[in-house]
Amino acid sequence: MTEHHLAQVNIGRIVAPLDSPELADFVAQQPEINALADRSPGFVWRMVDDGGADATGLRPDGNDALLLINCSVWESVEALRNFTYHSDHLRVLSRRREWFRRMAEAHQAMWWIPADHRPTVAEAMERVALLREHGPGPEAFTFRDPYPAPAPAVRL
């Protein structure tokens, strides 16, 4: 077992409320894509709201009812990349402009966490802010500029 896992967050501003006709297809596909993630190699955990099915009830910015968050934990960058770009998730990802407004600033981040840690909404939003303010680094990075997991602790 590795000492670190990869946490990832992405945020997005939807084009209309979740219960609107514009978002109906997105909402309808959520259970399928979440189940795909749950059974993907290297998947560890995903953030869910009080309903327990997904995170669509969470609002990372209480002042913005259209801002959604998705946060999950994976064994490696490769495992997350395979799910994101080499599974049926890509079919939904390719339609993101139908459901989400383009964001001028960074809207996703990855970082390494201890294997037993689960990120909070606040922690995830801090990583997006770090990436926006400082660019990629060991504390917050992207697929384009990944950083390796911290070296294992030396045991004497």
N, C-alpha and C. Protein backbone atom coordinates (compact mmCIF):
# COMPACT_ATOMS: atom_id res chain seq x y z
N MET A 1 0.84 -1.19 0.00
CA MET A 1 0.00 0.00 0.00
C MET A 1 0.88 1.25 0.00
N THR A 2 0.50 2.23 -0.79
CA THR A 2 1.28 3.46 -0.85
C THR A 2 0.90 4.37 0.31
N GLU A 3 1.83 5.26 0.64
CA GLU A 3 1.60 6.20 1.73
C GLU A 3 0.76 7.39 1.29
N HIS A 4 0.71 7.66 -0.03
CA HIS A 4 -0.01 8.82 -0.54
C HIS A 4 -0.96 8.44 -1.66
N HIS A 5 -2.04 9.18 -1.71
CA HIS A 5 -3.01 9.08 -2.81
C HIS A 5 -3.14 10.45 -3.44
N LEU A 6 -3.72 10.46 -4.62
CA LEU A 6 -3.92 11.69 -5.37
C LEU A 6 -5.33 12.22 -5.14
N ALA A 7 -5.44 13.44 -4.66
CA ALA A 7 -6.74 14.10 -4.55
C ALA A 7 -6.91 14.98 -5.78
N GLN A 8 -8.14 15.08 -6.26
CA GLN A 8 -8.43 15.97 -7.38
C GLN A 8 -9.72 16.70 -7.09
N VAL A 9 -9.77 17.94 -7.57
CA VAL A 9 -10.99 18.73 -7.48
C VAL A 9 -11.20 19.42 -8.81
N ASN A 10 -12.44 19.53 -9.21
CA ASN A 10 -12.79 20.42 -10.30
C ASN A 10 -14.09 21.12 -9.91
N ILE A 11 -14.14 22.38 -10.29
CA ILE A 11 -15.32 23.18 -10.02
C ILE A 11 -15.86 23.69 -11.35
N GLY A 12 -17.13 23.97 -11.39
CA GLY A 12 -17.72 24.48 -12.61
C GLY A 12 -19.00 25.23 -12.32
N ARG A 13 -19.23 26.24 -13.11
CA ARG A 13 -20.46 27.03 -12.99
C ARG A 13 -21.44 26.55 -14.04
N ILE A 14 -22.54 25.95 -13.60
CA ILE A 14 -23.53 25.41 -14.53
C ILE A 14 -24.29 26.55 -15.22
N VAL A 15 -24.81 26.25 -16.41
CA VAL A 15 -25.47 27.27 -17.23
C VAL A 15 -26.88 27.60 -16.73
N ALA A 16 -27.43 26.75 -15.89
CA ALA A 16 -28.79 26.93 -15.37
C ALA A 16 -28.91 26.07 -14.11
N PRO A 17 -29.96 26.22 -13.33
CA PRO A 17 -30.14 25.38 -12.15
C PRO A 17 -30.20 23.89 -12.51
N LEU A 18 -29.81 23.05 -11.56
CA LEU A 18 -29.77 21.60 -11.80
C LEU A 18 -31.12 21.02 -12.23
N ASP A 19 -32.21 21.62 -11.77
CA ASP A 19 -33.52 21.07 -12.11
C ASP A 19 -34.09 21.67 -13.40
N SER A 20 -33.27 22.38 -14.15
CA SER A 20 -33.73 23.00 -15.40
C SER A 20 -33.63 22.01 -16.57
N PRO A 21 -34.37 22.25 -17.64
CA PRO A 21 -34.26 21.39 -18.83
C PRO A 21 -32.86 21.39 -19.43
N GLU A 22 -32.13 22.51 -19.31
CA GLU A 22 -30.78 22.59 -19.86
C GLU A 22 -29.81 21.60 -19.20
N LEU A 23 -30.07 21.24 -17.96
CA LEU A 23 -29.18 20.34 -17.22
C LEU A 23 -29.72 18.92 -17.11
N ALA A 24 -30.89 18.65 -17.67
CA ALA A 24 -31.53 17.34 -17.50
C ALA A 24 -30.64 16.19 -17.95
N ASP A 25 -29.99 16.32 -19.08
CA ASP A 25 -29.15 15.23 -19.59
C ASP A 25 -27.92 15.03 -18.70
N PHE A 26 -27.33 16.12 -18.24
CA PHE A 26 -26.19 16.04 -17.32
C PHE A 26 -26.60 15.31 -16.04
N VAL A 27 -27.69 15.73 -15.44
CA VAL A 27 -28.16 15.12 -14.20
C VAL A 27 -28.49 13.65 -14.41
N ALA A 28 -29.10 13.32 -15.53
CA ALA A 28 -29.47 11.93 -15.81
C ALA A 28 -28.26 11.01 -15.92
N GLN A 29 -27.11 11.55 -16.35
CA GLN A 29 -25.91 10.72 -16.53
C GLN A 29 -25.05 10.60 -15.28
N GLN A 30 -25.33 11.40 -14.28
CA GLN A 30 -24.54 11.39 -13.06
C GLN A 30 -24.43 10.00 -12.41
N PRO A 31 -25.52 9.29 -12.19
CA PRO A 31 -25.39 7.98 -11.54
C PRO A 31 -24.50 7.01 -12.32
N GLU A 32 -24.65 6.99 -13.63
CA GLU A 32 -23.84 6.10 -14.48
C GLU A 32 -22.35 6.45 -14.38
N ILE A 33 -22.01 7.72 -14.47
CA ILE A 33 -20.61 8.13 -14.44
C ILE A 33 -20.02 7.95 -13.05
N ASN A 34 -20.79 8.23 -12.02
CA ASN A 34 -20.29 7.99 -10.66
C ASN A 34 -20.05 6.51 -10.42
N ALA A 35 -20.93 5.65 -10.91
CA ALA A 35 -20.73 4.21 -10.76
C ALA A 35 -19.50 3.76 -11.54
N LEU A 36 -19.29 4.34 -12.71
CA LEU A 36 -18.09 4.03 -13.49
C LEU A 36 -16.83 4.40 -12.71
N ALA A 37 -16.82 5.58 -12.11
CA ALA A 37 -15.67 5.99 -11.30
C ALA A 37 -15.48 5.02 -10.13
N ASP A 38 -16.55 4.72 -9.44
CA ASP A 38 -16.47 3.86 -8.26
C ASP A 38 -15.83 2.50 -8.55
N ARG A 39 -16.02 1.99 -9.75
CA ARG A 39 -15.47 0.66 -10.08
C ARG A 39 -14.21 0.73 -10.95
N SER A 40 -13.71 1.94 -11.18
CA SER A 40 -12.50 2.10 -12.00
C SER A 40 -11.26 1.70 -11.22
N PRO A 41 -10.29 1.08 -11.90
CA PRO A 41 -9.03 0.74 -11.23
C PRO A 41 -8.36 1.99 -10.66
N GLY A 42 -7.94 1.90 -9.42
CA GLY A 42 -7.25 3.01 -8.78
C GLY A 42 -8.15 4.00 -8.08
N PHE A 43 -9.47 3.85 -8.20
CA PHE A 43 -10.40 4.74 -7.50
C PHE A 43 -10.37 4.44 -6.01
N VAL A 44 -10.40 5.50 -5.18
CA VAL A 44 -10.40 5.33 -3.73
C VAL A 44 -11.67 5.88 -3.09
N TRP A 45 -12.06 7.11 -3.45
CA TRP A 45 -13.15 7.80 -2.73
C TRP A 45 -13.62 8.98 -3.57
N ARG A 46 -14.89 9.36 -3.38
CA ARG A 46 -15.39 10.61 -3.96
C ARG A 46 -16.28 11.31 -2.95
N MET A 47 -16.25 12.63 -3.03
CA MET A 47 -17.02 13.48 -2.13
C MET A 47 -18.50 13.38 -2.50
N VAL A 48 -19.35 13.29 -1.50
CA VAL A 48 -20.80 13.28 -1.72
C VAL A 48 -21.45 14.25 -0.74
N ASP A 49 -22.63 14.72 -1.10
CA ASP A 49 -23.39 15.61 -0.22
C ASP A 49 -24.17 14.77 0.78
N ASP A 50 -25.03 15.39 1.56
CA ASP A 50 -25.79 14.68 2.58
C ASP A 50 -26.70 13.61 2.00
N GLY A 51 -27.11 13.75 0.73
CA GLY A 51 -27.92 12.73 0.08
C GLY A 51 -27.14 11.47 -0.23
N GLY A 52 -25.83 11.59 -0.33
CA GLY A 52 -24.96 10.43 -0.49
C GLY A 52 -24.77 9.88 -1.88
N ALA A 53 -25.45 10.43 -2.88
CA ALA A 53 -25.32 9.89 -4.24
C ALA A 53 -24.23 10.60 -5.04
N ASP A 54 -24.11 11.92 -4.85
CA ASP A 54 -23.13 12.72 -5.57
C ASP A 54 -22.89 14.00 -4.79
N ALA A 55 -22.15 14.94 -5.38
CA ALA A 55 -21.82 16.18 -4.67
C ALA A 55 -22.60 17.38 -5.19
N THR A 56 -23.66 17.15 -5.96
CA THR A 56 -24.38 18.27 -6.58
C THR A 56 -25.10 19.15 -5.56
N GLY A 57 -25.29 18.67 -4.34
CA GLY A 57 -25.92 19.49 -3.31
C GLY A 57 -24.94 20.38 -2.56
N LEU A 58 -23.65 20.18 -2.78
CA LEU A 58 -22.64 21.00 -2.12
C LEU A 58 -22.43 22.30 -2.89
N ARG A 59 -22.23 23.38 -2.18
CA ARG A 59 -21.95 24.67 -2.80
C ARG A 59 -20.64 25.20 -2.21
N PRO A 60 -19.56 25.12 -2.98
CA PRO A 60 -18.26 25.56 -2.45
C PRO A 60 -18.18 27.06 -2.20
N ASP A 61 -19.06 27.81 -2.84
CA ASP A 61 -19.16 29.25 -2.60
C ASP A 61 -20.62 29.53 -2.30
N GLY A 62 -20.93 29.74 -1.04
CA GLY A 62 -22.31 29.94 -0.63
C GLY A 62 -23.02 31.07 -1.35
N ASN A 63 -22.26 31.98 -1.95
CA ASN A 63 -22.85 33.11 -2.68
C ASN A 63 -23.14 32.79 -4.13
N ASP A 64 -22.76 31.60 -4.60
CA ASP A 64 -22.91 31.24 -6.01
C ASP A 64 -23.66 29.91 -6.10
N ALA A 65 -24.95 29.98 -6.30
CA ALA A 65 -25.79 28.77 -6.33
C ALA A 65 -25.53 27.90 -7.55
N LEU A 66 -24.81 28.43 -8.55
CA LEU A 66 -24.56 27.66 -9.78
C LEU A 66 -23.16 27.05 -9.82
N LEU A 67 -22.36 27.24 -8.77
CA LEU A 67 -21.01 26.68 -8.73
C LEU A 67 -21.05 25.29 -8.09
N LEU A 68 -20.64 24.29 -8.86
CA LEU A 68 -20.60 22.90 -8.38
C LEU A 68 -19.16 22.48 -8.12
N ILE A 69 -19.00 21.46 -7.30
CA ILE A 69 -17.69 20.90 -6.99
C ILE A 69 -17.73 19.39 -7.17
N ASN A 70 -16.62 18.85 -7.63
CA ASN A 70 -16.42 17.41 -7.73
C ASN A 70 -15.03 17.15 -7.17
N CYS A 71 -14.94 16.28 -6.20
CA CYS A 71 -13.65 15.98 -5.58
C CYS A 71 -13.57 14.47 -5.38
N SER A 72 -12.42 13.90 -5.72
CA SER A 72 -12.23 12.47 -5.55
C SER A 72 -10.78 12.17 -5.22
N VAL A 73 -10.53 10.92 -4.82
CA VAL A 73 -9.20 10.47 -4.46
C VAL A 73 -8.89 9.21 -5.27
N TRP A 74 -7.66 9.15 -5.78
CA TRP A 74 -7.20 8.07 -6.65
C TRP A 74 -5.85 7.57 -6.18
N GLU A 75 -5.50 6.37 -6.59
CA GLU A 75 -4.21 5.81 -6.21
C GLU A 75 -3.05 6.51 -6.92
N SER A 76 -3.30 7.08 -8.11
CA SER A 76 -2.21 7.66 -8.89
C SER A 76 -2.76 8.62 -9.94
N VAL A 77 -1.87 9.43 -10.49
CA VAL A 77 -2.23 10.30 -11.61
C VAL A 77 -2.68 9.44 -12.78
N GLU A 78 -2.00 8.34 -13.02
CA GLU A 78 -2.33 7.46 -14.14
C GLU A 78 -3.74 6.89 -14.02
N ALA A 79 -4.11 6.49 -12.82
CA ALA A 79 -5.46 5.94 -12.61
C ALA A 79 -6.52 7.00 -12.91
N LEU A 80 -6.29 8.22 -12.43
CA LEU A 80 -7.24 9.30 -12.71
C LEU A 80 -7.26 9.63 -14.19
N ARG A 81 -6.10 9.69 -14.83
CA ARG A 81 -6.03 9.98 -16.26
C ARG A 81 -6.79 8.92 -17.06
N ASN A 82 -6.61 7.67 -16.70
CA ASN A 82 -7.31 6.59 -17.42
C ASN A 82 -8.81 6.73 -17.30
N PHE A 83 -9.30 7.03 -16.11
CA PHE A 83 -10.74 7.23 -15.94
C PHE A 83 -11.21 8.45 -16.74
N THR A 84 -10.49 9.56 -16.61
CA THR A 84 -10.91 10.82 -17.23
C THR A 84 -10.93 10.75 -18.75
N TYR A 85 -9.87 10.21 -19.34
CA TYR A 85 -9.69 10.29 -20.79
C TYR A 85 -9.79 8.97 -21.55
N HIS A 86 -9.84 7.85 -20.83
CA HIS A 86 -9.85 6.55 -21.51
C HIS A 86 -10.98 5.65 -21.03
N SER A 87 -12.08 6.27 -20.64
CA SER A 87 -13.27 5.51 -20.25
C SER A 87 -14.49 6.24 -20.82
N ASP A 88 -15.66 5.73 -20.52
CA ASP A 88 -16.89 6.36 -21.00
C ASP A 88 -17.10 7.75 -20.40
N HIS A 89 -16.31 8.10 -19.38
CA HIS A 89 -16.35 9.45 -18.83
C HIS A 89 -16.05 10.50 -19.90
N LEU A 90 -15.20 10.17 -20.86
CA LEU A 90 -14.82 11.11 -21.91
C LEU A 90 -16.03 11.55 -22.73
N ARG A 91 -16.98 10.65 -22.91
CA ARG A 91 -18.22 11.00 -23.64
C ARG A 91 -18.95 12.15 -22.96
N VAL A 92 -19.04 12.12 -21.65
CA VAL A 92 -19.70 13.18 -20.89
C VAL A 92 -18.81 14.41 -20.83
N LEU A 93 -17.53 14.22 -20.60
CA LEU A 93 -16.59 15.34 -20.54
C LEU A 93 -16.61 16.15 -21.83
N SER A 94 -16.74 15.48 -22.95
CA SER A 94 -16.73 16.19 -24.24
C SER A 94 -17.95 17.10 -24.42
N ARG A 95 -18.97 16.91 -23.60
CA ARG A 95 -20.18 17.74 -23.69
C ARG A 95 -20.23 18.82 -22.61
N ARG A 96 -19.16 19.03 -21.88
CA ARG A 96 -19.17 19.95 -20.73
C ARG A 96 -19.61 21.37 -21.09
N ARG A 97 -19.32 21.84 -22.29
CA ARG A 97 -19.70 23.21 -22.67
C ARG A 97 -21.21 23.37 -22.81
N GLU A 98 -21.94 22.27 -22.94
CA GLU A 98 -23.40 22.35 -22.96
C GLU A 98 -23.95 22.69 -21.58
N TRP A 99 -23.24 22.28 -20.54
CA TRP A 99 -23.75 22.36 -19.18
C TRP A 99 -23.01 23.34 -18.28
N PHE A 100 -21.76 23.66 -18.63
CA PHE A 100 -20.92 24.51 -17.77
C PHE A 100 -20.40 25.70 -18.55
N ARG A 101 -20.35 26.83 -17.87
CA ARG A 101 -19.78 28.05 -18.47
C ARG A 101 -18.26 27.93 -18.45
N ARG A 102 -17.62 28.50 -19.44
CA ARG A 102 -16.15 28.53 -19.49
C ARG A 102 -15.66 29.43 -18.35
N MET A 103 -14.65 28.96 -17.64
CA MET A 103 -14.09 29.74 -16.54
C MET A 103 -12.73 30.28 -16.97
N ALA A 104 -12.49 31.56 -16.72
CA ALA A 104 -11.23 32.19 -17.11
C ALA A 104 -10.07 31.72 -16.23
N GLU A 105 -10.35 31.39 -14.99
CA GLU A 105 -9.32 30.98 -14.05
C GLU A 105 -9.27 29.46 -13.95
N ALA A 106 -8.23 28.96 -13.32
CA ALA A 106 -8.10 27.52 -13.09
C ALA A 106 -9.36 27.01 -12.40
N HIS A 107 -9.82 25.86 -12.84
CA HIS A 107 -11.04 25.28 -12.28
C HIS A 107 -10.82 23.86 -11.77
N GLN A 108 -9.58 23.43 -11.77
CA GLN A 108 -9.27 22.10 -11.26
C GLN A 108 -7.89 22.13 -10.62
N ALA A 109 -7.64 21.15 -9.77
CA ALA A 109 -6.33 21.01 -9.13
C ALA A 109 -6.17 19.57 -8.65
N MET A 110 -4.94 19.14 -8.55
CA MET A 110 -4.59 17.84 -7.97
C MET A 110 -3.51 18.08 -6.93
N TRP A 111 -3.45 17.21 -5.93
CA TRP A 111 -2.42 17.27 -4.90
C TRP A 111 -2.35 15.93 -4.21
N TRP A 112 -1.21 15.67 -3.59
CA TRP A 112 -0.99 14.40 -2.89
C TRP A 112 -1.43 14.54 -1.44
N ILE A 113 -2.08 13.49 -0.94
CA ILE A 113 -2.57 13.46 0.45
C ILE A 113 -2.13 12.15 1.10
N PRO A 114 -2.05 12.11 2.43
CA PRO A 114 -1.84 10.82 3.09
C PRO A 114 -2.95 9.86 2.69
N ALA A 115 -2.63 8.60 2.53
CA ALA A 115 -3.58 7.62 2.01
C ALA A 115 -4.87 7.53 2.81
N ASP A 116 -4.84 7.86 4.09
CA ASP A 116 -6.06 7.75 4.92
C ASP A 116 -6.83 9.07 5.03
N HIS A 117 -6.42 10.10 4.31
CA HIS A 117 -7.05 11.42 4.41
C HIS A 117 -8.15 11.56 3.36
N ARG A 118 -9.22 12.30 3.72
CA ARG A 118 -10.29 12.64 2.77
C ARG A 118 -10.45 14.15 2.78
N PRO A 119 -10.27 14.80 1.62
CA PRO A 119 -10.34 16.26 1.57
C PRO A 119 -11.73 16.80 1.89
N THR A 120 -11.74 18.02 2.41
CA THR A 120 -12.98 18.75 2.65
C THR A 120 -13.21 19.71 1.48
N VAL A 121 -14.39 20.28 1.43
CA VAL A 121 -14.68 21.29 0.41
C VAL A 121 -13.72 22.46 0.55
N ALA A 122 -13.50 22.92 1.78
CA ALA A 122 -12.60 24.06 2.01
C ALA A 122 -11.18 23.74 1.55
N GLU A 123 -10.69 22.57 1.87
CA GLU A 123 -9.35 22.17 1.44
C GLU A 123 -9.25 22.14 -0.07
N ALA A 124 -10.24 21.57 -0.72
CA ALA A 124 -10.23 21.48 -2.18
C ALA A 124 -10.23 22.88 -2.81
N MET A 125 -11.04 23.77 -2.28
CA MET A 125 -11.09 25.13 -2.81
C MET A 125 -9.77 25.87 -2.56
N GLU A 126 -9.11 25.57 -1.46
CA GLU A 126 -7.79 26.17 -1.19
C GLU A 126 -6.78 25.74 -2.25
N ARG A 127 -6.87 24.49 -2.72
CA ARG A 127 -5.93 24.01 -3.75
C ARG A 127 -6.18 24.69 -5.09
N VAL A 128 -7.44 24.93 -5.42
CA VAL A 128 -7.75 25.68 -6.65
C VAL A 128 -7.19 27.09 -6.53
N ALA A 129 -7.36 27.71 -5.36
CA ALA A 129 -6.85 29.06 -5.14
C ALA A 129 -5.32 29.08 -5.24
N LEU A 130 -4.65 28.08 -4.69
CA LEU A 130 -3.19 28.00 -4.79
C LEU A 130 -2.74 27.94 -6.24
N LEU A 131 -3.40 27.12 -7.03
CA LEU A 131 -3.06 27.00 -8.44
C LEU A 131 -3.30 28.32 -9.16
N ARG A 132 -4.39 28.98 -8.85
CA ARG A 132 -4.68 30.27 -9.48
C ARG A 132 -3.63 31.32 -9.12
N GLU A 133 -3.21 31.33 -7.87
CA GLU A 133 -2.30 32.36 -7.39
C GLU A 133 -0.84 32.11 -7.75
N HIS A 134 -0.42 30.83 -7.74
CA HIS A 134 1.00 30.52 -7.87
C HIS A 134 1.35 29.64 -9.06
N GLY A 135 0.35 29.14 -9.77
CA GLY A 135 0.63 28.21 -10.85
C GLY A 135 0.95 26.83 -10.28
N PRO A 136 1.26 25.88 -11.17
CA PRO A 136 1.50 24.51 -10.71
C PRO A 136 2.73 24.39 -9.82
N GLY A 137 2.59 23.54 -8.83
CA GLY A 137 3.68 23.21 -7.91
C GLY A 137 3.29 21.97 -7.14
N PRO A 138 4.12 21.53 -6.24
CA PRO A 138 3.82 20.30 -5.50
C PRO A 138 2.53 20.35 -4.69
N GLU A 139 2.08 21.56 -4.32
CA GLU A 139 0.88 21.71 -3.50
C GLU A 139 -0.41 21.73 -4.31
N ALA A 140 -0.30 22.01 -5.62
CA ALA A 140 -1.47 22.06 -6.50
C ALA A 140 -0.98 22.03 -7.95
N PHE A 141 -1.43 21.05 -8.71
CA PHE A 141 -0.95 20.88 -10.07
C PHE A 141 -2.06 20.33 -10.95
N THR A 142 -1.75 20.11 -12.22
CA THR A 142 -2.73 19.61 -13.19
C THR A 142 -2.13 18.44 -13.97
N PHE A 143 -2.94 17.86 -14.83
CA PHE A 143 -2.42 16.81 -15.71
C PHE A 143 -1.27 17.32 -16.56
N ARG A 144 -1.34 18.57 -16.97
CA ARG A 144 -0.31 19.14 -17.84
C ARG A 144 1.04 19.24 -17.13
N ASP A 145 1.01 19.50 -15.82
CA ASP A 145 2.24 19.67 -15.03
C ASP A 145 2.18 18.84 -13.76
N PRO A 146 2.15 17.51 -13.87
CA PRO A 146 2.01 16.69 -12.66
C PRO A 146 3.29 16.67 -11.82
N TYR A 147 3.11 16.48 -10.54
CA TYR A 147 4.22 16.33 -9.62
C TYR A 147 4.17 14.93 -9.03
N PRO A 148 5.34 14.35 -8.76
CA PRO A 148 5.35 13.00 -8.18
C PRO A 148 4.86 13.00 -6.74
N ALA A 149 4.42 11.83 -6.30
CA ALA A 149 4.03 11.67 -4.91
C ALA A 149 5.26 11.90 -4.01
N PRO A 150 5.03 12.38 -2.81
CA PRO A 150 6.16 12.54 -1.88
C PRO A 150 6.88 11.20 -1.68
N ALA A 151 8.16 11.29 -1.43
CA ALA A 151 8.95 10.07 -1.18
C ALA A 151 8.47 9.40 0.10
N PRO A 152 8.47 8.07 0.12
CA PRO A 152 8.06 7.37 1.35
C PRO A 152 8.96 7.76 2.52
N ALA A 153 8.38 7.76 3.69
CA ALA A 153 9.15 8.06 4.90
C ALA A 153 10.18 6.96 5.13
N VAL A 154 11.34 7.37 5.53
CA VAL A 154 12.42 6.40 5.84
C VAL A 154 12.15 5.83 7.22
N ARG A 155 12.11 4.54 7.29
CA ARG A 155 11.88 3.87 8.59
C ARG A 155 13.19 3.27 9.08
N LEU A 156 13.52 3.59 10.31
CA LEU A 156 14.77 3.08 10.88
C LEU A 156 14.52 1.87 11.73
